[in-house]
Amino acid sequence: MEKSGHVTKQKRKGWLWITVILSCFLIAYWLIKNNTYTMTTASTSVKGVLYKSATGAPIEGAIVMIAEGSYEHPDIAAQSDEQGNFYLPNIQVPGTYTLLINYSNESKRLTVHITKDSVLRIPL
């Protein structure tokens, strides 16, 4: 009787280890799959609208560009049209970017988080 009890304890320990190892693999798989660093990024054009904060009127002719620190990316830039609309091409999303906006004698720098369906509304 003791031998069969001993075998049952060994079987339980074996199943316990199998369960623990399988659980570790499943948790590791889930962490890797859902990690934000392993998420794929996509390139898209981002739409935005510039308007006067006092009146709500659209701002035409403003230059909007991506900036990193003190370095501007003139290759990722746009000019707003008569409705204040602008489109920034080839933006990796999701991502956080610093925009540099030049209009007339004014300059504005702001940080925005951009996702695939972002439409930026920016008052000046």
PDB file of N, CA and C in Angstrom:
ATOM      1  N   MET A   1       0.817  -1.191   0.000  1.00  0.00           N
ATOM      2  CA  MET A   1       0.000   0.000   0.000  1.00  0.00           C
ATOM      3  C   MET A   1       0.862   1.257   0.000  1.00  0.00           C
ATOM      4  N   GLU A   2       1.968   1.228   0.684  1.00  0.00           N
ATOM      5  CA  GLU A   2       2.827   2.402   0.729  1.00  0.00           C
ATOM      6  C   GLU A   2       3.433   2.694  -0.633  1.00  0.00           C
ATOM      7  N   LYS A   3       3.771   1.626  -1.388  1.00  0.00           N
ATOM      8  CA  LYS A   3       4.373   1.834  -2.699  1.00  0.00           C
ATOM      9  C   LYS A   3       3.416   2.574  -3.629  1.00  0.00           C
ATOM     10  N   SER A   4       2.159   2.181  -3.656  1.00  0.00           N
ATOM     11  CA  SER A   4       1.209   2.853  -4.543  1.00  0.00           C
ATOM     12  C   SER A   4       0.989   4.295  -4.109  1.00  0.00           C
ATOM     13  N   GLY A   5       1.007   4.578  -2.807  1.00  0.00           N
ATOM     14  CA  GLY A   5       0.896   5.950  -2.312  1.00  0.00           C
ATOM     15  C   GLY A   5       2.099   6.768  -2.715  1.00  0.00           C
ATOM     16  N   HIS A   6       3.285   6.125  -2.672  1.00  0.00           N
ATOM     17  CA  HIS A   6       4.518   6.804  -3.067  1.00  0.00           C
ATOM     18  C   HIS A   6       4.504   7.127  -4.563  1.00  0.00           C
ATOM     19  N   VAL A   7       4.028   6.211  -5.386  1.00  0.00           N
ATOM     20  CA  VAL A   7       3.937   6.421  -6.829  1.00  0.00           C
ATOM     21  C   VAL A   7       2.947   7.540  -7.137  1.00  0.00           C
ATOM     22  N   THR A   8       1.846   7.589  -6.419  1.00  0.00           N
ATOM     23  CA  THR A   8       0.847   8.639  -6.628  1.00  0.00           C
ATOM     24  C   THR A   8       1.438  10.007  -6.314  1.00  0.00           C
ATOM     25  N   LYS A   9       2.240  10.121  -5.245  1.00  0.00           N
ATOM     26  CA  LYS A   9       2.879  11.390  -4.904  1.00  0.00           C
ATOM     27  C   LYS A   9       3.851  11.808  -6.003  1.00  0.00           C
ATOM     28  N   GLN A  10       4.596  10.854  -6.548  1.00  0.00           N
ATOM     29  CA  GLN A  10       5.543  11.164  -7.619  1.00  0.00           C
ATOM     30  C   GLN A  10       4.801  11.629  -8.874  1.00  0.00           C
ATOM     31  N   LYS A  11       3.691  10.970  -9.187  1.00  0.00           N
ATOM     32  CA  LYS A  11       2.903  11.373 -10.354  1.00  0.00           C
ATOM     33  C   LYS A  11       2.363  12.790 -10.176  1.00  0.00           C
ATOM     34  N   ARG A  12       1.896  13.078  -8.941  1.00  0.00           N
ATOM     35  CA  ARG A  12       1.378  14.421  -8.675  1.00  0.00           C
ATOM     36  C   ARG A  12       2.479  15.468  -8.818  1.00  0.00           C
ATOM     37  N   LYS A  13       3.685  15.161  -8.320  1.00  0.00           N
ATOM     38  CA  LYS A  13       4.802  16.093  -8.452  1.00  0.00           C
ATOM     39  C   LYS A  13       5.148  16.295  -9.923  1.00  0.00           C
ATOM     40  N   GLY A  14       5.126  15.217 -10.688  1.00  0.00           N
ATOM     41  CA  GLY A  14       5.412  15.313 -12.122  1.00  0.00           C
ATOM     42  C   GLY A  14       4.407  16.203 -12.835  1.00  0.00           C
ATOM     43  N   TRP A  15       3.125  15.996 -12.545  1.00  0.00           N
ATOM     44  CA  TRP A  15       2.085  16.822 -13.169  1.00  0.00           C
ATOM     45  C   TRP A  15       2.180  18.273 -12.703  1.00  0.00           C
ATOM     46  N   LEU A  16       2.559  18.457 -11.455  1.00  0.00           N
ATOM     47  CA  LEU A  16       2.719  19.811 -10.933  1.00  0.00           C
ATOM     48  C   LEU A  16       3.816  20.544 -11.707  1.00  0.00           C
ATOM     49  N   TRP A  17       4.952  19.888 -11.928  1.00  0.00           N
ATOM     50  CA  TRP A  17       6.043  20.506 -12.680  1.00  0.00           C
ATOM     51  C   TRP A  17       5.643  20.774 -14.127  1.00  0.00           C
ATOM     52  N   ILE A  18       4.934  19.855 -14.733  1.00  0.00           N
ATOM     53  CA  ILE A  18       4.469  20.065 -16.109  1.00  0.00           C
ATOM     54  C   ILE A  18       3.538  21.273 -16.167  1.00  0.00           C
ATOM     55  N   THR A  19       2.643  21.383 -15.192  1.00  0.00           N
ATOM     56  CA  THR A  19       1.714  22.514 -15.130  1.00  0.00           C
ATOM     57  C   THR A  19       2.461  23.829 -14.934  1.00  0.00           C
ATOM     58  N   VAL A  20       3.449  23.841 -14.043  1.00  0.00           N
ATOM     59  CA  VAL A  20       4.228  25.057 -13.778  1.00  0.00           C
ATOM     60  C   VAL A  20       4.994  25.480 -15.030  1.00  0.00           C
ATOM     61  N   ILE A  21       5.653  24.537 -15.686  1.00  0.00           N
ATOM     62  CA  ILE A  21       6.434  24.853 -16.883  1.00  0.00           C
ATOM     63  C   ILE A  21       5.522  25.342 -18.006  1.00  0.00           C
ATOM     64  N   LEU A  22       4.414  24.668 -18.218  1.00  0.00           N
ATOM     65  CA  LEU A  22       3.469  25.084 -19.251  1.00  0.00           C
ATOM     66  C   LEU A  22       2.923  26.480 -18.959  1.00  0.00           C
ATOM     67  N   SER A  23       2.615  26.748 -17.697  1.00  0.00           N
ATOM     68  CA  SER A  23       2.122  28.075 -17.309  1.00  0.00           C
ATOM     69  C   SER A  23       3.163  29.150 -17.594  1.00  0.00           C
ATOM     70  N   CYS A  24       4.429  28.864 -17.288  1.00  0.00           N
ATOM     71  CA  CYS A  24       5.504  29.833 -17.557  1.00  0.00           C
ATOM     72  C   CYS A  24       5.612  30.130 -19.050  1.00  0.00           C
ATOM     73  N   PHE A  25       5.537  29.090 -19.880  1.00  0.00           N
ATOM     74  CA  PHE A  25       5.595  29.298 -21.327  1.00  0.00           C
ATOM     75  C   PHE A  25       4.408  30.122 -21.819  1.00  0.00           C
ATOM     76  N   LEU A  26       3.228  29.844 -21.296  1.00  0.00           N
ATOM     77  CA  LEU A  26       2.043  30.594 -21.718  1.00  0.00           C
ATOM     78  C   LEU A  26       2.134  32.060 -21.302  1.00  0.00           C
ATOM     79  N   ILE A  27       2.618  32.313 -20.094  1.00  0.00           N
ATOM     80  CA  ILE A  27       2.777  33.695 -19.622  1.00  0.00           C
ATOM     81  C   ILE A  27       3.825  34.417 -20.463  1.00  0.00           C
ATOM     82  N   ALA A  28       4.948  33.764 -20.737  1.00  0.00           N
ATOM     83  CA  ALA A  28       5.997  34.375 -21.563  1.00  0.00           C
ATOM     84  C   ALA A  28       5.465  34.689 -22.961  1.00  0.00           C
ATOM     85  N   TYR A  29       4.724  33.771 -23.543  1.00  0.00           N
ATOM     86  CA  TYR A  29       4.143  33.988 -24.871  1.00  0.00           C
ATOM     87  C   TYR A  29       3.208  35.195 -24.853  1.00  0.00           C
ATOM     88  N   TRP A  30       2.356  35.284 -23.840  1.00  0.00           N
ATOM     89  CA  TRP A  30       1.409  36.390 -23.736  1.00  0.00           C
ATOM     90  C   TRP A  30       2.149  37.719 -23.579  1.00  0.00           C
ATOM     91  N   LEU A  31       3.203  37.743 -22.736  1.00  0.00           N
ATOM     92  CA  LEU A  31       3.957  38.981 -22.532  1.00  0.00           C
ATOM     93  C   LEU A  31       4.640  39.438 -23.815  1.00  0.00           C
ATOM     94  N   ILE A  32       5.214  38.507 -24.551  1.00  0.00           N
ATOM     95  CA  ILE A  32       5.881  38.862 -25.804  1.00  0.00           C
ATOM     96  C   ILE A  32       4.867  39.349 -26.832  1.00  0.00           C
ATOM     97  N   LYS A  33       3.750  38.663 -26.926  1.00  0.00           N
ATOM     98  CA  LYS A  33       2.728  39.024 -27.916  1.00  0.00           C
ATOM     99  C   LYS A  33       2.114  40.384 -27.627  1.00  0.00           C
ATOM    100  N   ASN A  34       1.937  40.736 -26.361  1.00  0.00           N
ATOM    101  CA  ASN A  34       1.260  41.977 -25.998  1.00  0.00           C
ATOM    102  C   ASN A  34       2.202  43.096 -25.598  1.00  0.00           C
ATOM    103  N   ASN A  35       3.493  42.896 -25.726  1.00  0.00           N
ATOM    104  CA  ASN A  35       4.466  43.909 -25.363  1.00  0.00           C
ATOM    105  C   ASN A  35       4.401  45.049 -26.369  1.00  0.00           C
ATOM    106  N   THR A  36       4.368  46.302 -25.884  1.00  0.00           N
ATOM    107  CA  THR A  36       4.276  47.446 -26.785  1.00  0.00           C
ATOM    108  C   THR A  36       5.532  47.608 -27.626  1.00  0.00           C
ATOM    109  N   TYR A  37       6.661  47.090 -27.154  1.00  0.00           N
ATOM    110  CA  TYR A  37       7.887  47.212 -27.930  1.00  0.00           C
ATOM    111  C   TYR A  37       7.904  46.277 -29.125  1.00  0.00           C
ATOM    112  N   THR A  38       7.106  45.231 -29.095  1.00  0.00           N
ATOM    113  CA  THR A  38       7.089  44.303 -30.218  1.00  0.00           C
ATOM    114  C   THR A  38       5.905  44.552 -31.141  1.00  0.00           C
ATOM    115  N   MET A  39       5.100  45.576 -30.839  1.00  0.00           N
ATOM    116  CA  MET A  39       3.973  45.891 -31.707  1.00  0.00           C
ATOM    117  C   MET A  39       4.499  46.396 -33.043  1.00  0.00           C
ATOM    118  N   THR A  40       3.846  46.024 -34.088  1.00  0.00           N
ATOM    119  CA  THR A  40       4.280  46.499 -35.393  1.00  0.00           C
ATOM    120  C   THR A  40       3.790  47.922 -35.594  1.00  0.00           C
ATOM    121  N   THR A  41       4.581  48.684 -36.311  1.00  0.00           N
ATOM    122  CA  THR A  41       4.172  50.042 -36.625  1.00  0.00           C
ATOM    123  C   THR A  41       3.817  50.101 -38.099  1.00  0.00           C
ATOM    124  N   ALA A  42       3.014  51.057 -38.424  1.00  0.00           N
ATOM    125  CA  ALA A  42       2.608  51.243 -39.814  1.00  0.00           C
ATOM    126  C   ALA A  42       2.910  52.679 -40.205  1.00  0.00           C
ATOM    127  N   SER A  43       3.102  52.889 -41.470  1.00  0.00           N
ATOM    128  CA  SER A  43       3.336  54.228 -41.975  1.00  0.00           C
ATOM    129  C   SER A  43       2.028  54.747 -42.563  1.00  0.00           C
ATOM    130  N   THR A  44       1.677  55.973 -42.197  1.00  0.00           N
ATOM    131  CA  THR A  44       0.428  56.545 -42.674  1.00  0.00           C
ATOM    132  C   THR A  44       0.570  58.054 -42.814  1.00  0.00           C
ATOM    133  N   SER A  45      -0.357  58.675 -43.484  1.00  0.00           N
ATOM    134  CA  SER A  45      -0.426  60.133 -43.536  1.00  0.00           C
ATOM    135  C   SER A  45      -1.343  60.591 -42.415  1.00  0.00           C
ATOM    136  N   VAL A  46      -0.923  61.638 -41.740  1.00  0.00           N
ATOM    137  CA  VAL A  46      -1.709  62.156 -40.624  1.00  0.00           C
ATOM    138  C   VAL A  46      -2.333  63.479 -41.042  1.00  0.00           C
ATOM    139  N   LYS A  47      -3.618  63.605 -40.772  1.00  0.00           N
ATOM    140  CA  LYS A  47      -4.352  64.820 -41.114  1.00  0.00           C
ATOM    141  C   LYS A  47      -4.453  65.709 -39.883  1.00  0.00           C
ATOM    142  N   GLY A  48      -4.404  67.013 -40.125  1.00  0.00           N
ATOM    143  CA  GLY A  48      -4.570  67.972 -39.045  1.00  0.00           C
ATOM    144  C   GLY A  48      -5.245  69.229 -39.548  1.00  0.00           C
ATOM    145  N   VAL A  49      -5.734  70.023 -38.610  1.00  0.00           N
ATOM    146  CA  VAL A  49      -6.391  71.291 -38.930  1.00  0.00           C
ATOM    147  C   VAL A  49      -5.823  72.358 -38.003  1.00  0.00           C
ATOM    148  N   LEU A  50      -5.412  73.474 -38.579  1.00  0.00           N
ATOM    149  CA  LEU A  50      -4.937  74.625 -37.810  1.00  0.00           C
ATOM    150  C   LEU A  50      -6.020  75.697 -37.827  1.00  0.00           C
ATOM    151  N   TYR A  51      -6.265  76.296 -36.659  1.00  0.00           N
ATOM    152  CA  TYR A  51      -7.278  77.353 -36.595  1.00  0.00           C
ATOM    153  C   TYR A  51      -6.879  78.388 -35.550  1.00  0.00           C
ATOM    154  N   LYS A  52      -7.432  79.589 -35.698  1.00  0.00           N
ATOM    155  CA  LYS A  52      -7.160  80.671 -34.751  1.00  0.00           C
ATOM    156  C   LYS A  52      -7.949  80.406 -33.480  1.00  0.00           C
ATOM    157  N   SER A  53      -7.247  80.420 -32.363  1.00  0.00           N
ATOM    158  CA  SER A  53      -7.916  80.099 -31.099  1.00  0.00           C
ATOM    159  C   SER A  53      -8.966  81.147 -30.731  1.00  0.00           C
ATOM    160  N   ALA A  54      -8.755  82.397 -31.101  1.00  0.00           N
ATOM    161  CA  ALA A  54      -9.696  83.460 -30.739  1.00  0.00           C
ATOM    162  C   ALA A  54     -10.982  83.401 -31.548  1.00  0.00           C
ATOM    163  N   THR A  55     -10.874  83.090 -32.845  1.00  0.00           N
ATOM    164  CA  THR A  55     -12.050  83.156 -33.712  1.00  0.00           C
ATOM    165  C   THR A  55     -12.509  81.807 -34.256  1.00  0.00           C
ATOM    166  N   GLY A  56     -11.633  80.819 -34.241  1.00  0.00           N
ATOM    167  CA  GLY A  56     -11.963  79.514 -34.822  1.00  0.00           C
ATOM    168  C   GLY A  56     -11.769  79.477 -36.327  1.00  0.00           C
ATOM    169  N   ALA A  57     -11.291  80.591 -36.907  1.00  0.00           N
ATOM    170  CA  ALA A  57     -11.070  80.661 -38.357  1.00  0.00           C
ATOM    171  C   ALA A  57      -9.871  79.796 -38.751  1.00  0.00           C
ATOM    172  N   PRO A  58      -9.943  79.148 -39.910  1.00  0.00           N
ATOM    173  CA  PRO A  58      -8.818  78.315 -40.355  1.00  0.00           C
ATOM    174  C   PRO A  58      -7.580  79.162 -40.661  1.00  0.00           C
ATOM    175  N   ILE A  59      -6.418  78.556 -40.504  1.00  0.00           N
ATOM    176  CA  ILE A  59      -5.156  79.243 -40.786  1.00  0.00           C
ATOM    177  C   ILE A  59      -4.551  78.655 -42.053  1.00  0.00           C
ATOM    178  N   GLU A  60      -4.395  79.512 -43.055  1.00  0.00           N
ATOM    179  CA  GLU A  60      -3.830  79.087 -44.341  1.00  0.00           C
ATOM    180  C   GLU A  60      -2.350  79.458 -44.404  1.00  0.00           C
ATOM    181  N   GLY A  61      -1.541  78.568 -44.977  1.00  0.00           N
ATOM    182  CA  GLY A  61      -0.141  78.875 -45.240  1.00  0.00           C
ATOM    183  C   GLY A  61       0.833  78.594 -44.114  1.00  0.00           C
ATOM    184  N   ALA A  62       0.384  78.000 -43.037  1.00  0.00           N
ATOM    185  CA  ALA A  62       1.298  77.655 -41.940  1.00  0.00           C
ATOM    186  C   ALA A  62       2.114  76.419 -42.327  1.00  0.00           C
ATOM    187  N   ILE A  63       3.352  76.369 -41.872  1.00  0.00           N
ATOM    188  CA  ILE A  63       4.227  75.220 -42.119  1.00  0.00           C
ATOM    189  C   ILE A  63       4.240  74.355 -40.864  1.00  0.00           C
ATOM    190  N   VAL A  64       3.957  73.072 -41.049  1.00  0.00           N
ATOM    191  CA  VAL A  64       3.954  72.106 -39.942  1.00  0.00           C
ATOM    192  C   VAL A  64       5.017  71.063 -40.263  1.00  0.00           C
ATOM    193  N   MET A  65       5.938  70.827 -39.307  1.00  0.00           N
ATOM    194  CA  MET A  65       6.955  69.805 -39.541  1.00  0.00           C
ATOM    195  C   MET A  65       7.246  69.026 -38.267  1.00  0.00           C
ATOM    196  N   ILE A  66       7.776  67.836 -38.452  1.00  0.00           N
ATOM    197  CA  ILE A  66       8.191  66.995 -37.331  1.00  0.00           C
ATOM    198  C   ILE A  66       9.532  67.517 -36.841  1.00  0.00           C
ATOM    199  N   ALA A  67       9.697  67.623 -35.521  1.00  0.00           N
ATOM    200  CA  ALA A  67      10.958  68.077 -34.935  1.00  0.00           C
ATOM    201  C   ALA A  67      11.423  67.070 -33.893  1.00  0.00           C
ATOM    202  N   GLU A  68      12.731  66.829 -33.853  1.00  0.00           N
ATOM    203  CA  GLU A  68      13.337  65.993 -32.809  1.00  0.00           C
ATOM    204  C   GLU A  68      14.359  66.856 -32.101  1.00  0.00           C
ATOM    205  N   GLY A  69      14.056  67.254 -30.877  1.00  0.00           N
ATOM    206  CA  GLY A  69      14.961  68.156 -30.172  1.00  0.00           C
ATOM    207  C   GLY A  69      15.045  69.467 -30.933  1.00  0.00           C
ATOM    208  N   SER A  70      16.255  69.869 -31.310  1.00  0.00           N
ATOM    209  CA  SER A  70      16.411  71.105 -32.072  1.00  0.00           C
ATOM    210  C   SER A  70      16.514  70.831 -33.570  1.00  0.00           C
ATOM    211  N   TYR A  71      16.398  69.568 -33.965  1.00  0.00           N
ATOM    212  CA  TYR A  71      16.529  69.205 -35.377  1.00  0.00           C
ATOM    213  C   TYR A  71      15.152  69.060 -36.005  1.00  0.00           C
ATOM    214  N   GLU A  72      14.905  69.787 -37.072  1.00  0.00           N
ATOM    215  CA  GLU A  72      13.641  69.689 -37.791  1.00  0.00           C
ATOM    216  C   GLU A  72      13.802  68.759 -38.983  1.00  0.00           C
ATOM    217  N   HIS A  73      12.727  68.074 -39.332  1.00  0.00           N
ATOM    218  CA  HIS A  73      12.711  67.185 -40.490  1.00  0.00           C
ATOM    219  C   HIS A  73      11.950  67.867 -41.622  1.00  0.00           C
ATOM    220  N   PRO A  74      12.640  68.627 -42.475  1.00  0.00           N
ATOM    221  CA  PRO A  74      11.905  69.291 -43.554  1.00  0.00           C
ATOM    222  C   PRO A  74      11.303  68.312 -44.556  1.00  0.00           C
ATOM    223  N   ASP A  75      11.795  67.067 -44.573  1.00  0.00           N
ATOM    224  CA  ASP A  75      11.218  66.085 -45.489  1.00  0.00           C
ATOM    225  C   ASP A  75       9.887  65.550 -44.977  1.00  0.00           C
ATOM    226  N   ILE A  76       9.582  65.779 -43.698  1.00  0.00           N
ATOM    227  CA  ILE A  76       8.271  65.413 -43.147  1.00  0.00           C
ATOM    228  C   ILE A  76       7.609  66.722 -42.729  1.00  0.00           C
ATOM    229  N   ALA A  77       7.077  67.424 -43.706  1.00  0.00           N
ATOM    230  CA  ALA A  77       6.491  68.736 -43.466  1.00  0.00           C
ATOM    231  C   ALA A  77       5.301  68.935 -44.393  1.00  0.00           C
ATOM    232  N   ALA A  78       4.482  69.913 -44.031  1.00  0.00           N
ATOM    233  CA  ALA A  78       3.305  70.222 -44.841  1.00  0.00           C
ATOM    234  C   ALA A  78       2.946  71.687 -44.653  1.00  0.00           C
ATOM    235  N   GLN A  79       2.180  72.202 -45.599  1.00  0.00           N
ATOM    236  CA  GLN A  79       1.663  73.560 -45.510  1.00  0.00           C
ATOM    237  C   GLN A  79       0.148  73.475 -45.459  1.00  0.00           C
ATOM    238  N   SER A  80      -0.447  74.247 -44.558  1.00  0.00           N
ATOM    239  CA  SER A  80      -1.907  74.200 -44.421  1.00  0.00           C
ATOM    240  C   SER A  80      -2.575  74.893 -45.607  1.00  0.00           C
ATOM    241  N   ASP A  81      -3.722  74.333 -46.022  1.00  0.00           N
ATOM    242  CA  ASP A  81      -4.466  74.901 -47.151  1.00  0.00           C
ATOM    243  C   ASP A  81      -5.439  75.970 -46.654  1.00  0.00           C
ATOM    244  N   GLU A  82      -6.332  76.438 -47.547  1.00  0.00           N
ATOM    245  CA  GLU A  82      -7.253  77.530 -47.181  1.00  0.00           C
ATOM    246  C   GLU A  82      -8.245  77.155 -46.081  1.00  0.00           C
ATOM    247  N   GLN A  83      -8.480  75.858 -45.864  1.00  0.00           N
ATOM    248  CA  GLN A  83      -9.349  75.424 -44.758  1.00  0.00           C
ATOM    249  C   GLN A  83      -8.548  75.096 -43.496  1.00  0.00           C
ATOM    250  N   GLY A  84      -7.236  75.321 -43.533  1.00  0.00           N
ATOM    251  CA  GLY A  84      -6.382  75.029 -42.384  1.00  0.00           C
ATOM    252  C   GLY A  84      -5.922  73.579 -42.328  1.00  0.00           C
ATOM    253  N   ASN A  85      -6.293  72.780 -43.335  1.00  0.00           N
ATOM    254  CA  ASN A  85      -5.926  71.358 -43.349  1.00  0.00           C
ATOM    255  C   ASN A  85      -4.470  71.163 -43.760  1.00  0.00           C
ATOM    256  N   PHE A  86      -3.826  70.170 -43.144  1.00  0.00           N
ATOM    257  CA  PHE A  86      -2.489  69.769 -43.563  1.00  0.00           C
ATOM    258  C   PHE A  86      -2.382  68.252 -43.452  1.00  0.00           C
ATOM    259  N   TYR A  87      -1.453  67.682 -44.206  1.00  0.00           N
ATOM    260  CA  TYR A  87      -1.228  66.235 -44.213  1.00  0.00           C
ATOM    261  C   TYR A  87       0.260  65.974 -44.059  1.00  0.00           C
ATOM    262  N   LEU A  88       0.624  65.215 -43.043  1.00  0.00           N
ATOM    263  CA  LEU A  88       2.020  64.824 -42.848  1.00  0.00           C
ATOM    264  C   LEU A  88       2.191  63.405 -43.376  1.00  0.00           C
ATOM    265  N   PRO A  89       3.008  63.218 -44.403  1.00  0.00           N
ATOM    266  CA  PRO A  89       3.166  61.891 -45.008  1.00  0.00           C
ATOM    267  C   PRO A  89       4.176  61.022 -44.260  1.00  0.00           C
ATOM    268  N   ASN A  90       4.030  59.724 -44.434  1.00  0.00           N
ATOM    269  CA  ASN A  90       4.998  58.729 -43.945  1.00  0.00           C
ATOM    270  C   ASN A  90       5.313  58.833 -42.459  1.00  0.00           C
ATOM    271  N   ILE A  91       4.280  58.902 -41.643  1.00  0.00           N
ATOM    272  CA  ILE A  91       4.444  58.948 -40.195  1.00  0.00           C
ATOM    273  C   ILE A  91       4.277  57.532 -39.654  1.00  0.00           C
ATOM    274  N   GLN A  92       5.217  57.097 -38.821  1.00  0.00           N
ATOM    275  CA  GLN A  92       5.114  55.782 -38.194  1.00  0.00           C
ATOM    276  C   GLN A  92       4.134  55.883 -37.026  1.00  0.00           C
ATOM    277  N   VAL A  93       3.110  55.070 -37.038  1.00  0.00           N
ATOM    278  CA  VAL A  93       2.100  55.087 -35.978  1.00  0.00           C
ATOM    279  C   VAL A  93       2.009  53.712 -35.343  1.00  0.00           C
ATOM    280  N   PRO A  94       1.671  53.639 -34.075  1.00  0.00           N
ATOM    281  CA  PRO A  94       1.495  54.758 -33.150  1.00  0.00           C
ATOM    282  C   PRO A  94       2.845  55.358 -32.770  1.00  0.00           C
ATOM    283  N   GLY A  95       2.812  56.629 -32.343  1.00  0.00           N
ATOM    284  CA  GLY A  95       4.045  57.284 -31.930  1.00  0.00           C
ATOM    285  C   GLY A  95       3.783  58.653 -31.340  1.00  0.00           C
ATOM    286  N   THR A  96       4.753  59.138 -30.574  1.00  0.00           N
ATOM    287  CA  THR A  96       4.682  60.472 -29.990  1.00  0.00           C
ATOM    288  C   THR A  96       5.683  61.349 -30.731  1.00  0.00           C
ATOM    289  N   TYR A  97       5.226  62.496 -31.196  1.00  0.00           N
ATOM    290  CA  TYR A  97       6.046  63.379 -32.018  1.00  0.00           C
ATOM    291  C   TYR A  97       5.971  64.808 -31.496  1.00  0.00           C
ATOM    292  N   THR A  98       7.023  65.565 -31.778  1.00  0.00           N
ATOM    293  CA  THR A  98       7.022  66.996 -31.519  1.00  0.00           C
ATOM    294  C   THR A  98       6.801  67.692 -32.850  1.00  0.00           C
ATOM    295  N   LEU A  99       5.775  68.524 -32.902  1.00  0.00           N
ATOM    296  CA  LEU A  99       5.476  69.290 -34.111  1.00  0.00           C
ATOM    297  C   LEU A  99       5.996  70.708 -33.943  1.00  0.00           C
ATOM    298  N   LEU A 100       6.566  71.243 -34.991  1.00  0.00           N
ATOM    299  CA  LEU A 100       6.975  72.636 -35.035  1.00  0.00           C
ATOM    300  C   LEU A 100       6.091  73.312 -36.074  1.00  0.00           C
ATOM    301  N   ILE A 101       5.360  74.337 -35.639  1.00  0.00           N
ATOM    302  CA  ILE A 101       4.418  75.027 -36.520  1.00  0.00           C
ATOM    303  C   ILE A 101       4.871  76.477 -36.664  1.00  0.00           C
ATOM    304  N   ASN A 102       5.093  76.903 -37.896  1.00  0.00           N
ATOM    305  CA  ASN A 102       5.491  78.282 -38.191  1.00  0.00           C
ATOM    306  C   ASN A 102       4.380  78.957 -38.983  1.00  0.00           C
ATOM    307  N   TYR A 103       3.945  80.105 -38.462  1.00  0.00           N
ATOM    308  CA  TYR A 103       2.907  80.867 -39.141  1.00  0.00           C
ATOM    309  C   TYR A 103       3.195  82.344 -38.927  1.00  0.00           C
ATOM    310  N   SER A 104       3.288  83.070 -40.008  1.00  0.00           N
ATOM    311  CA  SER A 104       3.581  84.491 -39.940  1.00  0.00           C
ATOM    312  C   SER A 104       4.873  84.675 -39.142  1.00  0.00           C
ATOM    313  N   ASN A 105       4.842  85.421 -38.068  1.00  0.00           N
ATOM    314  CA  ASN A 105       6.024  85.600 -37.213  1.00  0.00           C
ATOM    315  C   ASN A 105       5.956  84.735 -35.966  1.00  0.00           C
ATOM    316  N   GLU A 106       5.015  83.821 -35.926  1.00  0.00           N
ATOM    317  CA  GLU A 106       4.833  82.983 -34.744  1.00  0.00           C
ATOM    318  C   GLU A 106       5.391  81.586 -34.976  1.00  0.00           C
ATOM    319  N   SER A 107       5.796  80.973 -33.880  1.00  0.00           N
ATOM    320  CA  SER A 107       6.279  79.598 -33.926  1.00  0.00           C
ATOM    321  C   SER A 107       5.730  78.877 -32.702  1.00  0.00           C
ATOM    322  N   LYS A 108       5.231  77.684 -32.917  1.00  0.00           N
ATOM    323  CA  LYS A 108       4.673  76.904 -31.810  1.00  0.00           C
ATOM    324  C   LYS A 108       5.238  75.492 -31.881  1.00  0.00           C
ATOM    325  N   ARG A 109       5.636  74.968 -30.742  1.00  0.00           N
ATOM    326  CA  ARG A 109       6.163  73.608 -30.641  1.00  0.00           C
ATOM    327  C   ARG A 109       5.261  72.856 -29.660  1.00  0.00           C
ATOM    328  N   LEU A 110       4.748  71.697 -30.100  1.00  0.00           N
ATOM    329  CA  LEU A 110       3.913  70.907 -29.205  1.00  0.00           C
ATOM    330  C   LEU A 110       4.135  69.420 -29.434  1.00  0.00           C
ATOM    331  N   THR A 111       3.902  68.647 -28.390  1.00  0.00           N
ATOM    332  CA  THR A 111       4.062  67.195 -28.443  1.00  0.00           C
ATOM    333  C   THR A 111       2.690  66.559 -28.590  1.00  0.00           C
ATOM    334  N   VAL A 112       2.575  65.638 -29.544  1.00  0.00           N
ATOM    335  CA  VAL A 112       1.300  64.965 -29.802  1.00  0.00           C
ATOM    336  C   VAL A 112       1.529  63.464 -29.918  1.00  0.00           C
ATOM    337  N   HIS A 113       0.532  62.694 -29.504  1.00  0.00           N
ATOM    338  CA  HIS A 113       0.560  61.241 -29.704  1.00  0.00           C
ATOM    339  C   HIS A 113      -0.322  60.954 -30.913  1.00  0.00           C
ATOM    340  N   ILE A 114       0.257  60.276 -31.884  1.00  0.00           N
ATOM    341  CA  ILE A 114      -0.447  60.028 -33.139  1.00  0.00           C
ATOM    342  C   ILE A 114      -0.743  58.544 -33.282  1.00  0.00           C
ATOM    343  N   THR A 115      -2.005  58.240 -33.578  1.00  0.00           N
ATOM    344  CA  THR A 115      -2.421  56.870 -33.871  1.00  0.00           C
ATOM    345  C   THR A 115      -2.890  56.820 -35.324  1.00  0.00           C
ATOM    346  N   LYS A 116      -3.280  55.655 -35.759  1.00  0.00           N
ATOM    347  CA  LYS A 116      -3.659  55.452 -37.167  1.00  0.00           C
ATOM    348  C   LYS A 116      -4.768  56.401 -37.619  1.00  0.00           C
ATOM    349  N   ASP A 117      -5.750  56.640 -36.785  1.00  0.00           N
ATOM    350  CA  ASP A 117      -6.908  57.440 -37.183  1.00  0.00           C
ATOM    351  C   ASP A 117      -6.901  58.843 -36.586  1.00  0.00           C
ATOM    352  N   SER A 118      -5.732  59.333 -36.176  1.00  0.00           N
ATOM    353  CA  SER A 118      -5.655  60.655 -35.554  1.00  0.00           C
ATOM    354  C   SER A 118      -5.991  61.765 -36.543  1.00  0.00           C
ATOM    355  N   VAL A 119      -6.763  62.725 -36.064  1.00  0.00           N
ATOM    356  CA  VAL A 119      -6.969  63.991 -36.766  1.00  0.00           C
ATOM    357  C   VAL A 119      -6.621  65.059 -35.743  1.00  0.00           C
ATOM    358  N   LEU A 120      -5.545  65.788 -36.008  1.00  0.00           N
ATOM    359  CA  LEU A 120      -5.057  66.780 -35.056  1.00  0.00           C
ATOM    360  C   LEU A 120      -5.792  68.100 -35.260  1.00  0.00           C
ATOM    361  N   ARG A 121      -6.321  68.660 -34.177  1.00  0.00           N
ATOM    362  CA  ARG A 121      -6.943  69.989 -34.213  1.00  0.00           C
ATOM    363  C   ARG A 121      -6.069  70.882 -33.356  1.00  0.00           C
ATOM    364  N   ILE A 122      -5.415  71.841 -34.001  1.00  0.00           N
ATOM    365  CA  ILE A 122      -4.401  72.637 -33.316  1.00  0.00           C
ATOM    366  C   ILE A 122      -4.761  74.120 -33.379  1.00  0.00           C
ATOM    367  N   PRO A 123      -5.018  74.725 -32.209  1.00  0.00           N
ATOM    368  CA  PRO A 123      -5.282  76.166 -32.174  1.00  0.00           C
ATOM    369  C   PRO A 123      -3.969  76.956 -32.138  1.00  0.00           C
ATOM    370  N   LEU A 124      -3.950  78.099 -32.816  1.00  0.00           N
ATOM    371  CA  LEU A 124      -2.788  79.002 -32.768  1.00  0.00           C
ATOM    372  C   LEU A 124      -3.232  80.370 -32.298  1.00  0.00           C
TER     373      LEU A 124
END
